[in-house]
Each structure stands twice: as structure tokens, then as C-alpha cells.
Protein backbone atom coordinates (compact mmCIF):
# COMPACT_ATOMS: atom_id res chain seq x y z
CA MET A 1 -0.03 0.03 -0.01
CA GLU A 2 1.10 3.60 -0.77
CA SER A 3 -0.21 6.85 0.79
CA PHE A 4 -0.03 10.35 -0.63
CA SER A 5 -1.11 13.56 0.98
CA TYR A 6 -0.83 17.06 -0.55
CA GLU A 7 -1.08 20.52 0.82
CA ILE A 8 -2.38 23.15 -1.74
CA ASP A 9 -1.63 26.68 -0.56
CA VAL A 10 -3.92 29.40 -2.20
CA ARG A 11 -2.79 33.05 -1.68
CA ASN A 12 -5.06 36.12 -2.26
CA LEU A 13 -2.64 39.25 -3.21
CA ASN A 14 -5.40 41.29 -3.80
CA SER A 15 -6.80 44.10 -1.54
CA LYS A 16 -10.54 42.51 -1.94
CA PRO A 17 -11.62 39.22 -0.79
CA VAL A 18 -11.96 36.46 -3.68
CA GLN A 19 -14.07 33.54 -4.26
CA ILE A 20 -12.44 30.64 -6.17
CA GLU A 21 -13.06 27.17 -7.08
CA ILE A 22 -10.31 24.49 -7.08
CA PHE A 23 -10.56 21.35 -8.92
CA ASP A 24 -8.20 18.10 -8.42
CA GLN A 25 -8.70 14.64 -8.84
CA ILE A 26 -7.40 11.32 -7.34
CA PRO A 27 -6.61 8.08 -9.51
CA ILE A 28 -9.30 5.78 -10.53
CA ALA A 29 -8.47 2.20 -10.49
CA GLN A 30 -8.97 0.21 -13.67
CA GLN A 31 -8.67 -3.25 -12.23
CA GLU A 32 -10.75 -4.75 -9.34
CA GLU A 33 -7.57 -5.81 -7.59
CA ILE A 34 -6.49 -2.14 -6.93
CA GLN A 35 -8.11 -0.07 -4.14
CA ILE A 36 -7.76 3.62 -3.95
CA SER A 37 -9.38 5.50 -0.91
CA LEU A 38 -9.78 8.90 -0.08
CA GLU A 39 -8.19 9.58 3.09
CA GLU A 40 -8.50 13.29 3.55
CA LYS A 41 -10.70 15.97 1.34
CA ASP A 42 -10.61 18.80 3.74
CA GLY A 43 -14.17 19.84 3.11
CA ALA A 44 -14.14 19.06 -0.82
CA SER A 45 -17.22 17.62 -2.62
CA TYR A 46 -16.33 14.47 -4.02
CA ILE A 47 -17.44 12.35 -6.98
CA LYS A 48 -16.40 8.72 -6.27
CA GLU A 49 -16.97 7.58 -10.05
CA ASN A 50 -14.66 9.82 -11.49
CA GLY A 51 -12.36 10.72 -8.38
CA LYS A 52 -13.12 14.60 -8.83
CA LEU A 53 -12.86 16.69 -5.81
CA THR A 54 -14.18 20.56 -5.74
CA TRP A 55 -13.23 23.00 -3.33
CA LYS A 56 -15.12 26.37 -3.12
CA LEU A 57 -13.09 29.02 -1.10
CA ASP A 58 -13.56 32.60 -0.09
CA ILE A 59 -10.10 34.09 0.79
CA PRO A 60 -9.82 37.35 2.70
CA ALA A 61 -7.60 40.12 1.09
CA SER A 62 -3.73 39.54 1.62
CA MET A 63 -4.54 36.02 3.40
CA THR A 64 -3.75 32.43 2.49
CA SER A 65 -5.92 29.36 2.62
CA LYS A 66 -4.66 25.76 3.02
CA ILE A 67 -6.39 22.65 1.89
CA LYS A 68 -5.39 19.21 2.40
CA LEU A 69 -5.83 16.04 0.03
CA GLY A 70 -4.80 12.54 1.12
CA TYR A 71 -5.45 9.19 -0.57
CA SER A 72 -4.01 5.60 -0.52
CA VAL A 73 -3.45 2.79 -3.20
CA LYS A 74 -3.81 -0.52 -2.02
CA PHE A 75 -2.86 -3.37 -4.47
CA PRO A 76 -1.58 -7.03 -4.50
CA ARG A 77 2.09 -7.66 -4.04
CA ASP A 78 2.30 -9.61 -7.15
CA LYS A 79 1.14 -6.59 -9.24
CA THR A 80 3.30 -4.02 -10.67
CA VAL A 81 1.60 -0.67 -10.23
CA ILE A 82 3.17 2.70 -11.51
CA ILE A 83 2.11 5.79 -9.39
CA LYS A 84 3.48 8.98 -10.96
CA ARG A 85 4.54 11.68 -8.27
CA THR A 86 4.56 15.32 -8.99
CA GLY A 87 6.46 18.00 -7.47
CA ARG A 88 5.49 21.38 -6.68
CA VAL A 89 3.06 23.38 -9.15
CA VAL A 90 3.16 27.17 -9.17
CA CYS A 91 0.29 28.85 -10.74
CA PRO A 92 0.64 32.29 -12.23
CA ARG A 93 -1.05 35.26 -10.82
CA PHE A 94 -4.54 36.31 -11.78
CA HIS A 95 -5.56 39.88 -11.92
């Protein structure tokens, strides 16, 4: 079994509060022997059939919001499962 956890920081650099939606997705198993469990969604709405998560955030001016996402992948020892790990992602500034 492998576990993954991520923390997403969203910073509002504007002088006014903003409302945003953040979309993410956890993997979906293509085989019954592989089980993926959502461990932490930090208030997101979750659609199990496609693994999609949606957060709706109200971020005050000059503040940062943090959301956490965690899931685990359980698979038989005799199976080879390739799990891609990504590094830090930085988004551009929005005006």
C-alpha cells in the first residue's frame, strides 16, 4: 500500500476578498484488485465515480488558505503498479 498527501496553498494577493473554486482529481483504478481510498478531502465535494474533488473557497484580502488532500492505493504484491508523483506546482498570478 502507498499513501499520498498533498497540501495546496492558495494566496490572495489582492486588496479585496476573492471566491474561487479549486478542482483536483485522485486516481481511478482500472482493475478490481487495486483499491484507492480517499483519506482526507478537507471539505471538498467528491464524486467517487470519476475521482473529482471541488473546493469552494472565500479567501480574505492578503490571506492564504490551505487545503489538504490525501489518498491511499492498495494493490496485491504480485502486481506492478506505476504511480506518478508530481512535484510542486506554481500557478500564475491572476488579476
